[in-house]
């Protein structure tokens, strides 16, 4: 049984790093969204601009 070639390892590593990057990015966006103030709403719950 032969192992993966060097190029296959590079592609797998790149895909893994992209996955980590996007996970961190989504987590940061969630934190920013939680920190931002909620838009003002009227009594019916509609957003007031």
C-alpha atoms as a PDB file:
ATOM      1  CA  UNK A   1       0.000   0.000   0.000  1.00  0.00           C
ATOM      2  CA  UNK A   2       1.465   3.296  -1.119  1.00  0.00           C
ATOM      3  CA  UNK A   3       1.027   6.654   0.639  1.00  0.00           C
ATOM      4  CA  UNK A   4      -0.257   9.846  -0.906  1.00  0.00           C
ATOM      5  CA  UNK A   5       2.012  11.875  -3.157  1.00  0.00           C
ATOM      6  CA  UNK A   6       3.428  15.237  -2.101  1.00  0.00           C
ATOM      7  CA  UNK A   7       0.995  17.161  -4.319  1.00  0.00           C
ATOM      8  CA  UNK A   8      -1.964  15.340  -2.784  1.00  0.00           C
ATOM      9  CA  UNK A   9      -0.729  16.305   0.691  1.00  0.00           C
ATOM     10  CA  UNK A  10      -0.367  19.939  -0.415  1.00  0.00           C
ATOM     11  CA  UNK A  11      -3.944  19.993  -1.754  1.00  0.00           C
ATOM     12  CA  UNK A  12      -5.288  18.382   1.420  1.00  0.00           C
ATOM     13  CA  UNK A  13      -3.373  20.839   3.598  1.00  0.00           C
ATOM     14  CA  UNK A  14      -4.597  23.811   1.540  1.00  0.00           C
ATOM     15  CA  UNK A  15      -8.204  22.593   1.784  1.00  0.00           C
ATOM     16  CA  UNK A  16      -7.835  22.115   5.535  1.00  0.00           C
ATOM     17  CA  UNK A  17      -6.395  25.619   5.962  1.00  0.00           C
ATOM     18  CA  UNK A  18      -9.187  27.152   3.863  1.00  0.00           C
ATOM     19  CA  UNK A  19     -11.730  25.364   6.047  1.00  0.00           C
ATOM     20  CA  UNK A  20     -10.130  26.744   9.210  1.00  0.00           C
ATOM     21  CA  UNK A  21      -9.978  30.237   7.669  1.00  0.00           C
ATOM     22  CA  UNK A  22     -13.670  30.250   6.728  1.00  0.00           C
ATOM     23  CA  UNK A  23     -14.694  28.854  10.118  1.00  0.00           C
ATOM     24  CA  UNK A  24     -12.800  31.635  11.890  1.00  0.00           C
ATOM     25  CA  UNK A  25     -14.256  34.222   9.503  1.00  0.00           C
ATOM     26  CA  UNK A  26     -17.821  33.041  10.164  1.00  0.00           C
ATOM     27  CA  UNK A  27     -17.213  33.012  13.915  1.00  0.00           C
ATOM     28  CA  UNK A  28     -15.868  36.584  13.786  1.00  0.00           C
ATOM     29  CA  UNK A  29     -18.876  37.728  11.725  1.00  0.00           C
ATOM     30  CA  UNK A  30     -21.194  36.161  14.290  1.00  0.00           C
ATOM     31  CA  UNK A  31     -19.420  38.000  17.109  1.00  0.00           C
ATOM     32  CA  UNK A  32     -19.581  41.316  15.220  1.00  0.00           C
ATOM     33  CA  UNK A  33     -23.277  40.777  14.482  1.00  0.00           C
ATOM     34  CA  UNK A  34     -23.951  40.152  18.172  1.00  0.00           C
ATOM     35  CA  UNK A  35     -22.032  43.293  19.217  1.00  0.00           C
ATOM     36  CA  UNK A  36     -23.767  45.639  16.760  1.00  0.00           C
ATOM     37  CA  UNK A  37     -26.893  47.398  18.059  1.00  0.00           C
ATOM     38  CA  UNK A  38     -30.255  46.124  16.893  1.00  0.00           C
ATOM     39  CA  UNK A  39     -32.082  48.348  14.373  1.00  0.00           C
ATOM     40  CA  UNK A  40     -34.943  50.403  15.825  1.00  0.00           C
ATOM     41  CA  UNK A  41     -38.390  48.807  15.461  1.00  0.00           C
ATOM     42  CA  UNK A  42     -41.884  50.144  15.841  1.00  0.00           C
ATOM     43  CA  UNK A  43     -44.615  48.435  17.886  1.00  0.00           C
ATOM     44  CA  UNK A  44     -45.543  46.024  15.074  1.00  0.00           C
ATOM     45  CA  UNK A  45     -41.972  44.685  14.902  1.00  0.00           C
ATOM     46  CA  UNK A  46     -41.163  46.211  11.519  1.00  0.00           C
ATOM     47  CA  UNK A  47     -37.758  47.827  11.113  1.00  0.00           C
ATOM     48  CA  UNK A  48     -37.981  51.629  11.065  1.00  0.00           C
ATOM     49  CA  UNK A  49     -35.632  53.393   8.668  1.00  0.00           C
END
